[in-house]
Amino acid sequence: ISKDGVAVLTIPNIQDGRINYLTD
């Protein structure tokens, strides 16, 4: 895990019909 690199989407990012691309 790092501050940069490839962003990872998790379950809370996947809303029904919409993706929230903000991730830590």
PDB file of all heavy atoms in Angstrom:
ATOM      1  N   ILE A   1       0.848  -1.194   0.000  1.00  0.00           N
ATOM      2  CA  ILE A   1       0.000   0.000   0.000  1.00  0.00           C
ATOM      3  C   ILE A   1       0.882   1.241   0.000  1.00  0.00           C
ATOM      4  O   ILE A   1       1.880   1.310   0.728  1.00  0.00           O
ATOM      5  CB  ILE A   1      -0.932   0.010   1.223  1.00  0.00           C
ATOM      6  CG1 ILE A   1      -1.856  -1.205   1.198  1.00  0.00           C
ATOM      7  CG2 ILE A   1      -1.751   1.297   1.272  1.00  0.00           C
ATOM      8  CD1 ILE A   1      -2.746  -1.335   2.411  1.00  0.00           C
ATOM      9  N   SER A   2       0.544   2.221  -0.823  1.00  0.00           N
ATOM     10  CA  SER A   2       1.334   3.451  -0.901  1.00  0.00           C
ATOM     11  C   SER A   2       0.419   4.651  -1.097  1.00  0.00           C
ATOM     12  O   SER A   2      -0.795   4.514  -1.216  1.00  0.00           O
ATOM     13  CB  SER A   2       2.338   3.371  -2.050  1.00  0.00           C
ATOM     14  OG  SER A   2       1.650   3.342  -3.295  1.00  0.00           O
ATOM     15  N   LYS A   3       1.013   5.844  -1.142  1.00  0.00           N
ATOM     16  CA  LYS A   3       0.232   7.066  -1.337  1.00  0.00           C
ATOM     17  C   LYS A   3      -0.090   7.301  -2.807  1.00  0.00           C
ATOM     18  O   LYS A   3      -0.970   8.097  -3.140  1.00  0.00           O
ATOM     19  CB  LYS A   3       0.982   8.265  -0.767  1.00  0.00           C
ATOM     20  CG  LYS A   3       1.118   8.236   0.760  1.00  0.00           C
ATOM     21  CD  LYS A   3       1.812   9.483   1.260  1.00  0.00           C
ATOM     22  CE  LYS A   3       1.922   9.460   2.790  1.00  0.00           C
ATOM     23  NZ  LYS A   3       2.612  10.669   3.316  1.00  0.00           N
ATOM     24  N   ASP A   4       0.674   6.664  -3.680  1.00  0.00           N
ATOM     25  CA  ASP A   4       0.388   6.787  -5.112  1.00  0.00           C
ATOM     26  C   ASP A   4       0.376   5.380  -5.710  1.00  0.00           C
ATOM     27  O   ASP A   4       0.182   4.405  -5.005  1.00  0.00           O
ATOM     28  CB  ASP A   4       1.411   7.700  -5.794  1.00  0.00           C
ATOM     29  CG  ASP A   4       2.840   7.297  -5.475  1.00  0.00           C
ATOM     30  OD1 ASP A   4       3.035   6.177  -4.950  1.00  0.00           O
ATOM     31  OD2 ASP A   4       3.757   8.082  -5.740  1.00  0.00           O
ATOM     32  N   GLY A   5       0.560   5.276  -7.000  1.00  0.00           N
ATOM     33  CA  GLY A   5       0.476   3.971  -7.641  1.00  0.00           C
ATOM     34  C   GLY A   5      -0.916   3.738  -8.210  1.00  0.00           C
ATOM     35  O   GLY A   5      -1.692   4.673  -8.428  1.00  0.00           O
ATOM     36  N   VAL A   6      -1.250   2.477  -8.461  1.00  0.00           N
ATOM     37  CA  VAL A   6      -2.534   2.113  -9.055  1.00  0.00           C
ATOM     38  C   VAL A   6      -3.634   2.251  -8.013  1.00  0.00           C
ATOM     39  O   VAL A   6      -3.535   1.707  -6.913  1.00  0.00           O
ATOM     40  CB  VAL A   6      -2.502   0.667  -9.598  1.00  0.00           C
ATOM     41  CG1 VAL A   6      -3.865   0.293 -10.182  1.00  0.00           C
ATOM     42  CG2 VAL A   6      -1.408   0.509 -10.641  1.00  0.00           C
ATOM     43  N   ALA A   7      -4.674   3.000  -8.349  1.00  0.00           N
ATOM     44  CA  ALA A   7      -5.801   3.212  -7.438  1.00  0.00           C
ATOM     45  C   ALA A   7      -6.662   1.949  -7.373  1.00  0.00           C
ATOM     46  O   ALA A   7      -6.855   1.265  -8.383  1.00  0.00           O
ATOM     47  CB  ALA A   7      -6.639   4.393  -7.893  1.00  0.00           C
ATOM     48  N   VAL A   8      -7.165   1.655  -6.170  1.00  0.00           N
ATOM     49  CA  VAL A   8      -7.969   0.439  -5.965  1.00  0.00           C
ATOM     50  C   VAL A   8      -9.393   0.822  -5.559  1.00  0.00           C
ATOM     51  O   VAL A   8      -9.587   1.549  -4.588  1.00  0.00           O
ATOM     52  CB  VAL A   8      -7.357  -0.462  -4.870  1.00  0.00           C
ATOM     53  CG1 VAL A   8      -8.175  -1.748  -4.727  1.00  0.00           C
ATOM     54  CG2 VAL A   8      -5.902  -0.781  -5.185  1.00  0.00           C
ATOM     55  N   LEU A   9     -10.359   0.303  -6.290  1.00  0.00           N
ATOM     56  CA  LEU A   9     -11.760   0.494  -5.926  1.00  0.00           C
ATOM     57  C   LEU A   9     -12.190  -0.646  -5.014  1.00  0.00           C
ATOM     58  O   LEU A   9     -11.860  -1.807  -5.250  1.00  0.00           O
ATOM     59  CB  LEU A   9     -12.637   0.527  -7.168  1.00  0.00           C
ATOM     60  CG  LEU A   9     -12.341   1.625  -8.198  1.00  0.00           C
ATOM     61  CD1 LEU A   9     -13.322   1.528  -9.363  1.00  0.00           C
ATOM     62  CD2 LEU A   9     -12.396   3.001  -7.564  1.00  0.00           C
ATOM     63  N   THR A  10     -12.941  -0.304  -3.967  1.00  0.00           N
ATOM     64  CA  THR A  10     -13.446  -1.299  -3.025  1.00  0.00           C
ATOM     65  C   THR A  10     -14.980  -1.267  -3.048  1.00  0.00           C
ATOM     66  O   THR A  10     -15.586  -0.487  -3.796  1.00  0.00           O
ATOM     67  CB  THR A  10     -12.916  -1.023  -1.610  1.00  0.00           C
ATOM     68  OG1 THR A  10     -13.327   0.277  -1.198  1.00  0.00           O
ATOM     69  CG2 THR A  10     -11.380  -1.084  -1.590  1.00  0.00           C
ATOM     70  N   ILE A  11     -15.608  -2.098  -2.225  1.00  0.00           N
ATOM     71  CA  ILE A  11     -17.071  -2.215  -2.254  1.00  0.00           C
ATOM     72  C   ILE A  11     -17.789  -0.866  -2.128  1.00  0.00           C
ATOM     73  O   ILE A  11     -18.730  -0.599  -2.888  1.00  0.00           O
ATOM     74  CB  ILE A  11     -17.553  -3.205  -1.177  1.00  0.00           C
ATOM     75  CG1 ILE A  11     -17.221  -4.641  -1.597  1.00  0.00           C
ATOM     76  CG2 ILE A  11     -19.058  -3.080  -0.943  1.00  0.00           C
ATOM     77  CD1 ILE A  11     -17.646  -5.698  -0.594  1.00  0.00           C
ATOM     78  N   PRO A  12     -17.389   0.027  -1.193  1.00  0.00           N
ATOM     79  CA  PRO A  12     -18.109   1.301  -1.078  1.00  0.00           C
ATOM     80  C   PRO A  12     -18.046   2.169  -2.344  1.00  0.00           C
ATOM     81  O   PRO A  12     -18.910   3.024  -2.538  1.00  0.00           O
ATOM     82  CB  PRO A  12     -17.407   2.001   0.089  1.00  0.00           C
ATOM     83  CG  PRO A  12     -16.817   0.891   0.901  1.00  0.00           C
ATOM     84  CD  PRO A  12     -16.395  -0.131  -0.113  1.00  0.00           C
ATOM     85  N   ASN A  13     -17.042   1.933  -3.191  1.00  0.00           N
ATOM     86  CA  ASN A  13     -16.928   2.704  -4.439  1.00  0.00           C
ATOM     87  C   ASN A  13     -17.965   2.288  -5.472  1.00  0.00           C
ATOM     88  O   ASN A  13     -18.258   3.038  -6.405  1.00  0.00           O
ATOM     89  CB  ASN A  13     -15.535   2.547  -5.050  1.00  0.00           C
ATOM     90  CG  ASN A  13     -14.438   3.148  -4.212  1.00  0.00           C
ATOM     91  OD1 ASN A  13     -13.706   2.436  -3.531  1.00  0.00           O
ATOM     92  ND2 ASN A  13     -14.319   4.460  -4.234  1.00  0.00           N
ATOM     93  N   ILE A  14     -18.503   1.079  -5.315  1.00  0.00           N
ATOM     94  CA  ILE A  14     -19.456   0.561  -6.299  1.00  0.00           C
ATOM     95  C   ILE A  14     -20.863   0.742  -5.771  1.00  0.00           C
ATOM     96  O   ILE A  14     -21.341  -0.003  -4.925  1.00  0.00           O
ATOM     97  CB  ILE A  14     -19.186  -0.929  -6.598  1.00  0.00           C
ATOM     98  CG1 ILE A  14     -17.712  -1.152  -6.931  1.00  0.00           C
ATOM     99  CG2 ILE A  14     -20.081  -1.397  -7.734  1.00  0.00           C
ATOM    100  CD1 ILE A  14     -17.187  -0.281  -8.064  1.00  0.00           C
ATOM    101  N   GLN A  15     -21.503   1.791  -6.252  1.00  0.00           N
ATOM    102  CA  GLN A  15     -22.890   2.037  -5.906  1.00  0.00           C
ATOM    103  C   GLN A  15     -23.735   1.514  -7.060  1.00  0.00           C
ATOM    104  O   GLN A  15     -23.220   1.313  -8.154  1.00  0.00           O
ATOM    105  CB  GLN A  15     -23.104   3.524  -5.657  1.00  0.00           C
ATOM    106  CG  GLN A  15     -22.267   4.013  -4.463  1.00  0.00           C
ATOM    107  CD  GLN A  15     -21.995   5.491  -4.489  1.00  0.00           C
ATOM    108  OE1 GLN A  15     -22.692   6.220  -5.172  1.00  0.00           O
ATOM    109  NE2 GLN A  15     -20.992   5.924  -3.740  1.00  0.00           N
ATOM    110  N   ASP A  16     -24.978   1.246  -6.814  1.00  0.00           N
ATOM    111  CA  ASP A  16     -25.810   0.621  -7.839  1.00  0.00           C
ATOM    112  C   ASP A  16     -25.941   1.535  -9.054  1.00  0.00           C
ATOM    113  O   ASP A  16     -26.642   2.539  -9.020  1.00  0.00           O
ATOM    114  CB  ASP A  16     -27.193   0.284  -7.270  1.00  0.00           C
ATOM    115  CG  ASP A  16     -27.913  -0.724  -8.149  1.00  0.00           C
ATOM    116  OD1 ASP A  16     -27.241  -1.463  -8.873  1.00  0.00           O
ATOM    117  OD2 ASP A  16     -29.156  -0.768  -8.106  1.00  0.00           O
ATOM    118  N   GLY A  17     -25.228   1.195 -10.118  1.00  0.00           N
ATOM    119  CA  GLY A  17     -25.292   1.978 -11.347  1.00  0.00           C
ATOM    120  C   GLY A  17     -24.301   3.116 -11.431  1.00  0.00           C
ATOM    121  O   GLY A  17     -24.257   3.815 -12.440  1.00  0.00           O
ATOM    122  N   ARG A  18     -23.469   3.304 -10.399  1.00  0.00           N
ATOM    123  CA  ARG A  18     -22.527   4.429 -10.421  1.00  0.00           C
ATOM    124  C   ARG A  18     -21.248   4.063  -9.691  1.00  0.00           C
ATOM    125  O   ARG A  18     -21.274   3.327  -8.706  1.00  0.00           O
ATOM    126  CB  ARG A  18     -23.160   5.669  -9.772  1.00  0.00           C
ATOM    127  CG  ARG A  18     -22.346   6.938  -9.922  1.00  0.00           C
ATOM    128  CD  ARG A  18     -23.139   8.119  -9.384  1.00  0.00           C
ATOM    129  NE  ARG A  18     -23.246   8.081  -7.935  1.00  0.00           N
ATOM    130  CZ  ARG A  18     -22.310   8.567  -7.112  1.00  0.00           C
ATOM    131  NH1 ARG A  18     -21.198   9.089  -7.591  1.00  0.00           N
ATOM    132  NH2 ARG A  18     -22.486   8.520  -5.799  1.00  0.00           N
ATOM    133  N   ILE A  19     -20.116   4.571 -10.197  1.00  0.00           N
ATOM    134  CA  ILE A  19     -18.826   4.329  -9.560  1.00  0.00           C
ATOM    135  C   ILE A  19     -18.287   5.626  -8.981  1.00  0.00           C
ATOM    136  O   ILE A  19     -18.244   6.649  -9.660  1.00  0.00           O
ATOM    137  CB  ILE A  19     -17.806   3.760 -10.564  1.00  0.00           C
ATOM    138  CG1 ILE A  19     -18.287   2.423 -11.118  1.00  0.00           C
ATOM    139  CG2 ILE A  19     -16.430   3.598  -9.900  1.00  0.00           C
ATOM    140  CD1 ILE A  19     -17.375   1.840 -12.184  1.00  0.00           C
ATOM    141  N   ASN A  20     -17.897   5.579  -7.725  1.00  0.00           N
ATOM    142  CA  ASN A  20     -17.204   6.694  -7.092  1.00  0.00           C
ATOM    143  C   ASN A  20     -15.705   6.394  -7.208  1.00  0.00           C
ATOM    144  O   ASN A  20     -15.205   5.448  -6.599  1.00  0.00           O
ATOM    145  CB  ASN A  20     -17.627   6.813  -5.627  1.00  0.00           C
ATOM    146  CG  ASN A  20     -16.892   7.921  -4.899  1.00  0.00           C
ATOM    147  OD1 ASN A  20     -16.107   8.659  -5.497  1.00  0.00           O
ATOM    148  ND2 ASN A  20     -17.119   8.053  -3.609  1.00  0.00           N
ATOM    149  N   TYR A  21     -14.996   7.202  -7.977  1.00  0.00           N
ATOM    150  CA  TYR A  21     -13.591   6.924  -8.261  1.00  0.00           C
ATOM    151  C   TYR A  21     -12.645   7.478  -7.199  1.00  0.00           C
ATOM    152  O   TYR A  21     -11.428   7.319  -7.325  1.00  0.00           O
ATOM    153  CB  TYR A  21     -13.219   7.481  -9.635  1.00  0.00           C
ATOM    154  CG  TYR A  21     -13.865   6.728 -10.775  1.00  0.00           C
ATOM    155  CD1 TYR A  21     -15.045   7.192 -11.368  1.00  0.00           C
ATOM    156  CD2 TYR A  21     -13.323   5.539 -11.251  1.00  0.00           C
ATOM    157  CE1 TYR A  21     -15.652   6.499 -12.400  1.00  0.00           C
ATOM    158  CE2 TYR A  21     -13.921   4.842 -12.288  1.00  0.00           C
ATOM    159  CZ  TYR A  21     -15.077   5.323 -12.855  1.00  0.00           C
ATOM    160  OH  TYR A  21     -15.675   4.629 -13.880  1.00  0.00           O
ATOM    161  N   LEU A  22     -13.170   8.117  -6.171  1.00  0.00           N
ATOM    162  CA  LEU A  22     -12.319   8.631  -5.100  1.00  0.00           C
ATOM    163  C   LEU A  22     -11.951   7.486  -4.158  1.00  0.00           C
ATOM    164  O   LEU A  22     -12.825   6.823  -3.599  1.00  0.00           O
ATOM    165  CB  LEU A  22     -13.038   9.734  -4.323  1.00  0.00           C
ATOM    166  CG  LEU A  22     -13.370  11.009  -5.116  1.00  0.00           C
ATOM    167  CD1 LEU A  22     -14.143  11.989  -4.244  1.00  0.00           C
ATOM    168  CD2 LEU A  22     -12.099  11.666  -5.647  1.00  0.00           C
ATOM    169  N   THR A  23     -10.665   7.245  -3.977  1.00  0.00           N
ATOM    170  CA  THR A  23     -10.204   6.156  -3.116  1.00  0.00           C
ATOM    171  C   THR A  23      -8.893   6.537  -2.454  1.00  0.00           C
ATOM    172  O   THR A  23      -8.071   7.256  -3.034  1.00  0.00           O
ATOM    173  CB  THR A  23     -10.018   4.858  -3.920  1.00  0.00           C
ATOM    174  OG1 THR A  23      -9.494   3.850  -3.044  1.00  0.00           O
ATOM    175  CG2 THR A  23      -9.075   5.037  -5.090  1.00  0.00           C
ATOM    176  N   ASP A  24      -8.703   6.053  -1.238  1.00  0.00           N
ATOM    177  CA  ASP A  24      -7.457   6.290  -0.507  1.00  0.00           C
ATOM    178  C   ASP A  24      -6.489   5.121  -0.645  1.00  0.00           C
ATOM    179  O   ASP A  24      -5.377   5.171  -0.114  1.00  0.00           O
ATOM    180  CB  ASP A  24      -7.756   6.510   0.990  1.00  0.00           C
ATOM    181  CG  ASP A  24      -8.536   7.794   1.236  1.00  0.00           C
ATOM    182  OD1 ASP A  24      -8.328   8.759   0.485  1.00  0.00           O
ATOM    183  OD2 ASP A  24      -9.355   7.822   2.174  1.00  0.00           O
TER     184      ASP A  24
END
